[in-house]
C-alpha atoms as a PDB file:
ATOM      1  CA  MET A   1     140.869 170.030 115.482  1.00  0.00           C
ATOM      2  CA  GLU A   2     143.103 167.638 117.352  1.00  0.00           C
ATOM      3  CA  ASN A   3     146.144 170.472 117.436  1.00  0.00           C
ATOM      4  CA  LEU A   4     144.115 172.997 118.908  1.00  0.00           C
ATOM      5  CA  ASN A   5     143.284 170.116 121.585  1.00  0.00           C
ATOM      6  CA  ASN A   6     147.006 169.709 121.887  1.00  0.00           C
ATOM      7  CA  TRP A   7     147.588 173.236 122.237  1.00  0.00           C
ATOM      8  CA  CYS A   8     144.868 173.382 125.402  1.00  0.00           C
ATOM      9  CA  GLU A   9     146.270 170.010 126.450  1.00  0.00           C
ATOM     10  CA  SER A  10     149.692 171.343 127.190  1.00  0.00           C
ATOM     11  CA  LEU A  11     148.782 174.865 128.450  1.00  0.00           C
ATOM     12  CA  ILE A  12     146.598 173.578 131.189  1.00  0.00           C
ATOM     13  CA  ILE A  13     149.707 171.523 132.132  1.00  0.00           C
ATOM     14  CA  SER A  14     151.813 174.107 132.490  1.00  0.00           C
ATOM     15  CA  VAL A  15     149.499 176.210 134.147  1.00  0.00           C
ATOM     16  CA  ILE A  16     149.674 173.555 136.467  1.00  0.00           C
ATOM     17  CA  LEU A  17     153.116 173.118 136.683  1.00  0.00           C
ATOM     18  CA  VAL A  18     153.770 176.887 137.318  1.00  0.00           C
ATOM     19  CA  LEU A  19     151.211 177.017 140.176  1.00  0.00           C
ATOM     20  CA  LEU A  20     153.023 174.030 141.661  1.00  0.00           C
ATOM     21  CA  ILE A  21     156.472 175.815 141.182  1.00  0.00           C
ATOM     22  CA  GLU A  22     155.314 179.257 142.586  1.00  0.00           C
ATOM     23  CA  LEU A  23     153.636 177.333 145.875  1.00  0.00           C
ATOM     24  CA  LEU A  24     156.935 175.515 146.947  1.00  0.00           C
ATOM     25  CA  VAL A  25     158.959 178.764 146.848  1.00  0.00           C
ATOM     26  CA  GLU A  26     159.565 180.617 149.790  1.00  0.00           C
ATOM     27  CA  ASN A  27     159.125 184.153 149.883  1.00  0.00           C
ATOM     28  CA  ASN A  28     161.884 185.361 149.136  1.00  0.00           C
ATOM     29  CA  LYS A  29     164.152 187.628 146.603  1.00  0.00           C
ATOM     30  CA  ASN A  30     164.337 184.734 144.441  1.00  0.00           C
ATOM     31  CA  LYS A  31     160.432 184.478 144.377  1.00  0.00           C
ATOM     32  CA  LYS A  32     159.890 187.296 141.217  1.00  0.00           C
ATOM     33  CA  TYR A  33     162.488 186.110 139.430  1.00  0.00           C
ATOM     34  CA  ILE A  34     160.736 182.788 139.220  1.00  0.00           C
ATOM     35  CA  GLN A  35     157.611 184.566 138.971  1.00  0.00           C
ATOM     36  CA  VAL A  36     159.009 186.247 135.267  1.00  0.00           C
ATOM     37  CA  ILE A  37     160.805 182.296 134.141  1.00  0.00           C
ATOM     38  CA  THR A  38     157.379 181.056 134.560  1.00  0.00           C
ATOM     39  CA  GLY A  39     155.413 184.205 132.864  1.00  0.00           C
ATOM     40  CA  ILE A  40     157.435 183.558 130.125  1.00  0.00           C
ATOM     41  CA  PHE A  41     157.627 179.959 129.951  1.00  0.00           C
ATOM     42  CA  ILE A  42     153.177 180.175 130.173  1.00  0.00           C
ATOM     43  CA  MET A  43     153.656 183.044 126.781  1.00  0.00           C
ATOM     44  CA  PHE A  44     156.052 180.787 125.164  1.00  0.00           C
ATOM     45  CA  VAL A  45     153.340 177.374 125.736  1.00  0.00           C
ATOM     46  CA  THR A  46     150.660 180.022 124.178  1.00  0.00           C
ATOM     47  CA  LEU A  47     152.289 181.359 121.147  1.00  0.00           C
ATOM     48  CA  ASN A  48     153.807 178.400 120.496  1.00  0.00           C
ATOM     49  CA  PRO A  49     151.009 176.986 117.878  1.00  0.00           C
ATOM     50  CA  PHE A  50     151.585 180.661 116.375  1.00  0.00           C
ATOM     51  CA  ILE A  51     154.865 180.587 115.700  1.00  0.00           C
ATOM     52  CA  GLU A  52     154.600 177.313 114.411  1.00  0.00           C
ATOM     53  CA  LEU A  53     152.792 178.437 111.965  1.00  0.00           C
ATOM     54  CA  LEU A  54     154.660 180.930 111.422  1.00  0.00           C
ATOM     55  CA  ASN A  55     157.775 178.321 110.816  1.00  0.00           C
ATOM     56  CA  ASN A  56     156.275 175.229 109.270  1.00  0.00           C
ATOM     57  CA  ASN A  57     152.555 175.639 107.843  1.00  0.00           C
ATOM     58  CA  ASP A  58     152.403 172.601 109.892  1.00  0.00           C
ATOM     59  CA  PHE A  59     148.566 173.438 110.756  1.00  0.00           C
ATOM     60  CA  ASP A  60     145.634 172.232 108.537  1.00  0.00           C
ATOM     61  CA  THR A  61     144.820 175.052 106.332  1.00  0.00           C
ATOM     62  CA  ASP A  62     143.574 173.180 103.130  1.00  0.00           C
ATOM     63  CA  PHE A  63     140.577 175.255 103.427  1.00  0.00           C
ATOM     64  CA  LEU A  64     142.108 178.522 102.744  1.00  0.00           C
ATOM     65  CA  LYS A  65     143.796 177.105  99.751  1.00  0.00           C
ATOM     66  CA  PHE A  66     141.961 176.569  96.348  1.00  0.00           C
ATOM     67  CA  GLU A  67     142.760 174.085  93.925  1.00  0.00           C
ATOM     68  CA  LYS A  68     144.848 175.300  90.793  1.00  0.00           C
ATOM     69  CA  VAL A  69     142.913 174.085  87.723  1.00  0.00           C
ATOM     70  CA  SER A  70     144.967 173.550  84.454  1.00  0.00           C
ATOM     71  CA  ALA A  71     142.539 174.593  81.561  1.00  0.00           C
ATOM     72  CA  LYS A  72     145.328 172.146  79.279  1.00  0.00           C
ATOM     73  CA  PRO A  73     146.508 169.320  81.152  1.00  0.00           C
ATOM     74  CA  TYR A  74     148.286 167.719  78.691  1.00  0.00           C
ATOM     75  CA  GLU A  75     150.938 170.740  78.649  1.00  0.00           C
ATOM     76  CA  GLU A  76     152.197 169.629  81.979  1.00  0.00           C
ATOM     77  CA  ASN A  77     152.036 166.415  80.930  1.00  0.00           C
ATOM     78  CA  GLU A  78     154.916 167.138  77.887  1.00  0.00           C
ATOM     79  CA  LEU A  79     156.648 169.395  80.228  1.00  0.00           C
ATOM     80  CA  PHE A  80     157.174 166.699  83.037  1.00  0.00           C
ATOM     81  CA  GLU A  81     158.317 164.387  79.940  1.00  0.00           C
ATOM     82  CA  ASN A  82     160.085 167.000  78.280  1.00  0.00           C
ATOM     83  CA  VAL A  83     162.251 167.596  81.435  1.00  0.00           C
ATOM     84  CA  TYR A  84     162.368 163.988  82.282  1.00  0.00           C
ATOM     85  CA  ILE A  85     163.884 163.116  78.574  1.00  0.00           C
ATOM     86  CA  ASP A  86     166.350 166.196  78.736  1.00  0.00           C
ATOM     87  CA  TYR A  87     167.716 164.930  82.891  1.00  0.00           C
ATOM     88  CA  THR A  88     167.874 161.193  81.316  1.00  0.00           C
ATOM     89  CA  LEU A  89     170.312 162.272  78.364  1.00  0.00           C
ATOM     90  CA  GLU A  90     171.782 164.454  80.265  1.00  0.00           C
ATOM     91  CA  ARG A  91     173.219 161.599  82.841  1.00  0.00           C
ATOM     92  CA  ILE A  92     173.920 159.666  79.819  1.00  0.00           C
ATOM     93  CA  LYS A  93     175.571 161.681  78.028  1.00  0.00           C
ATOM     94  CA  ASN A  94     177.992 162.635  81.607  1.00  0.00           C
ATOM     95  CA  VAL A  95     178.642 158.937  81.716  1.00  0.00           C
ATOM     96  CA  LEU A  96     179.882 158.698  78.052  1.00  0.00           C
ATOM     97  CA  ASP A  97     182.332 161.569  78.240  1.00  0.00           C
ATOM     98  CA  SER A  98     183.641 160.538  81.435  1.00  0.00           C
ATOM     99  CA  TYR A  99     184.746 157.869  78.903  1.00  0.00           C
ATOM    100  CA  ASN A 100     185.778 160.544  76.436  1.00  0.00           C
ATOM    101  CA  LEU A 101     183.289 159.127  74.030  1.00  0.00           C
ATOM    102  CA  ASN A 102     182.190 161.926  71.426  1.00  0.00           C
ATOM    103  CA  VAL A 103     178.063 161.137  71.663  1.00  0.00           C
ATOM    104  CA  LEU A 104     177.244 162.391  68.051  1.00  0.00           C
ATOM    105  CA  ASP A 105     173.552 161.912  68.879  1.00  0.00           C
ATOM    106  CA  LEU A 106     171.393 160.634  71.669  1.00  0.00           C
ATOM    107  CA  ASP A 107     167.454 159.316  70.808  1.00  0.00           C
ATOM    108  CA  PHE A 108     164.848 158.986  73.622  1.00  0.00           C
ATOM    109  CA  LYS A 109     161.660 157.351  72.998  1.00  0.00           C
ATOM    110  CA  LEU A 110     158.616 156.969  75.043  1.00  0.00           C
ATOM    111  CA  ASP A 111     155.680 154.089  74.434  1.00  0.00           C
ATOM    112  CA  GLU A 112     152.296 155.123  73.461  1.00  0.00           C
ATOM    113  CA  SER A 113     151.000 155.513  77.317  1.00  0.00           C
ATOM    114  CA  LYS A 114     154.297 157.475  78.048  1.00  0.00           C
ATOM    115  CA  GLU A 115     155.248 155.668  81.088  1.00  0.00           C
ATOM    116  CA  ASN A 116     157.368 153.128  79.540  1.00  0.00           C
ATOM    117  CA  LEU A 117     160.887 153.598  78.023  1.00  0.00           C
ATOM    118  CA  GLU A 118     160.898 152.344  74.673  1.00  0.00           C
ATOM    119  CA  LYS A 119     164.037 152.966  73.169  1.00  0.00           C
ATOM    120  CA  ILE A 120     167.391 154.698  73.873  1.00  0.00           C
ATOM    121  CA  GLU A 121     170.035 155.406  70.650  1.00  0.00           C
ATOM    122  CA  VAL A 122     172.661 156.287  71.597  1.00  0.00           C
ATOM    123  CA  ILE A 123     175.209 157.571  68.105  1.00  0.00           C
ATOM    124  CA  ILE A 124     178.732 157.220  69.424  1.00  0.00           C
ATOM    125  CA  LYS A 125     181.441 159.478  67.091  1.00  0.00           C
ATOM    126  CA  LYS A 126     184.397 156.233  66.342  1.00  0.00           C
ATOM    127  CA  ASP A 127     187.312 158.148  66.402  1.00  0.00           C
ATOM    128  CA  MET A 128     189.745 155.790  68.094  1.00  0.00           C
ATOM    129  CA  ALA A 129     190.426 152.544  66.599  1.00  0.00           C
ATOM    130  CA  LYS A 130     189.155 149.066  67.795  1.00  0.00           C
ATOM    131  CA  GLU A 131     193.087 148.315  68.092  1.00  0.00           C
ATOM    132  CA  SER A 132     193.250 150.728  70.569  1.00  0.00           C
ATOM    133  CA  GLU A 133     194.028 150.757  74.212  1.00  0.00           C
ATOM    134  CA  ASP A 134     190.971 153.330  75.019  1.00  0.00           C
ATOM    135  CA  PHE A 135     188.754 152.051  72.562  1.00  0.00           C
ATOM    136  CA  VAL A 136     185.126 151.119  74.649  1.00  0.00           C
ATOM    137  CA  SER A 137     182.987 148.435  73.877  1.00  0.00           C
ATOM    138  CA  GLU A 138     179.633 148.580  72.598  1.00  0.00           C
ATOM    139  CA  GLU A 139     178.856 145.810  75.004  1.00  0.00           C
ATOM    140  CA  LYS A 140     180.425 148.375  77.663  1.00  0.00           C
ATOM    141  CA  VAL A 141     178.532 151.173  76.715  1.00  0.00           C
ATOM    142  CA  LYS A 142     175.149 149.000  77.149  1.00  0.00           C
ATOM    143  CA  ASN A 143     176.342 148.121  80.278  1.00  0.00           C
ATOM    144  CA  LEU A 144     177.523 151.990  81.593  1.00  0.00           C
ATOM    145  CA  ILE A 145     174.203 153.113  80.264  1.00  0.00           C
ATOM    146  CA  LYS A 146     172.330 150.017  81.968  1.00  0.00           C
ATOM    147  CA  GLU A 147     173.790 150.948  85.433  1.00  0.00           C
ATOM    148  CA  GLU A 148     173.082 154.741  85.487  1.00  0.00           C
ATOM    149  CA  LEU A 149     169.627 154.559  84.171  1.00  0.00           C
ATOM    150  CA  ASP A 150     169.006 150.904  85.458  1.00  0.00           C
ATOM    151  CA  ILE A 151     167.124 149.838  82.558  1.00  0.00           C
ATOM    152  CA  THR A 152     166.941 146.447  80.253  1.00  0.00           C
ATOM    153  CA  GLU A 153     169.926 146.147  77.252  1.00  0.00           C
ATOM    154  CA  ASP A 154     167.115 145.309  75.209  1.00  0.00           C
ATOM    155  CA  VAL A 155     165.764 149.025  75.107  1.00  0.00           C
ATOM    156  CA  LEU A 156     169.278 150.013  74.316  1.00  0.00           C
ATOM    157  CA  VAL A 157     171.012 150.920  71.293  1.00  0.00           C
ATOM    158  CA  ILE A 158     174.280 151.654  70.436  1.00  0.00           C
ATOM    159  CA  THR A 159     175.778 152.464  67.129  1.00  0.00           C
ATOM    160  CA  TYR A 160     179.655 153.909  65.718  1.00  0.00           C
ATOM    161  CA  GLU A 161     179.989 156.377  63.072  1.00  0.00           C
END
């Protein structure tokens, strides 16, 4: 309703502005060009709400929409959970790959409420000797993952095999 009021208000102001412009312009060759320009201006002001509706869908059209009711809401929650887990595991794998660490297994567990992270277990292939310059310590791996995911260290379990 507010959109309709704003549209009417802008249309009235535009018409008054066009009338003032036409009153100020003398009768000469340019008057018909000014009338064409002001006519186009009024046309754009009139059509503006419809153009916005086509472009943005800003108007309140909730009465046209029907709410989708899922017969099995747990399936959507499982799908969201799986996507979240996959995305998080991919982020961990990318961090570890950047340090040339071979990840053997990643395990991700949520608590019973499925809202909080309970445990992330990362098993890394122990193919580099601890004396090597390229060796990445367990603490460094924990810090890398902790920084990437913004989590506490107590949920991380890092093991080398």
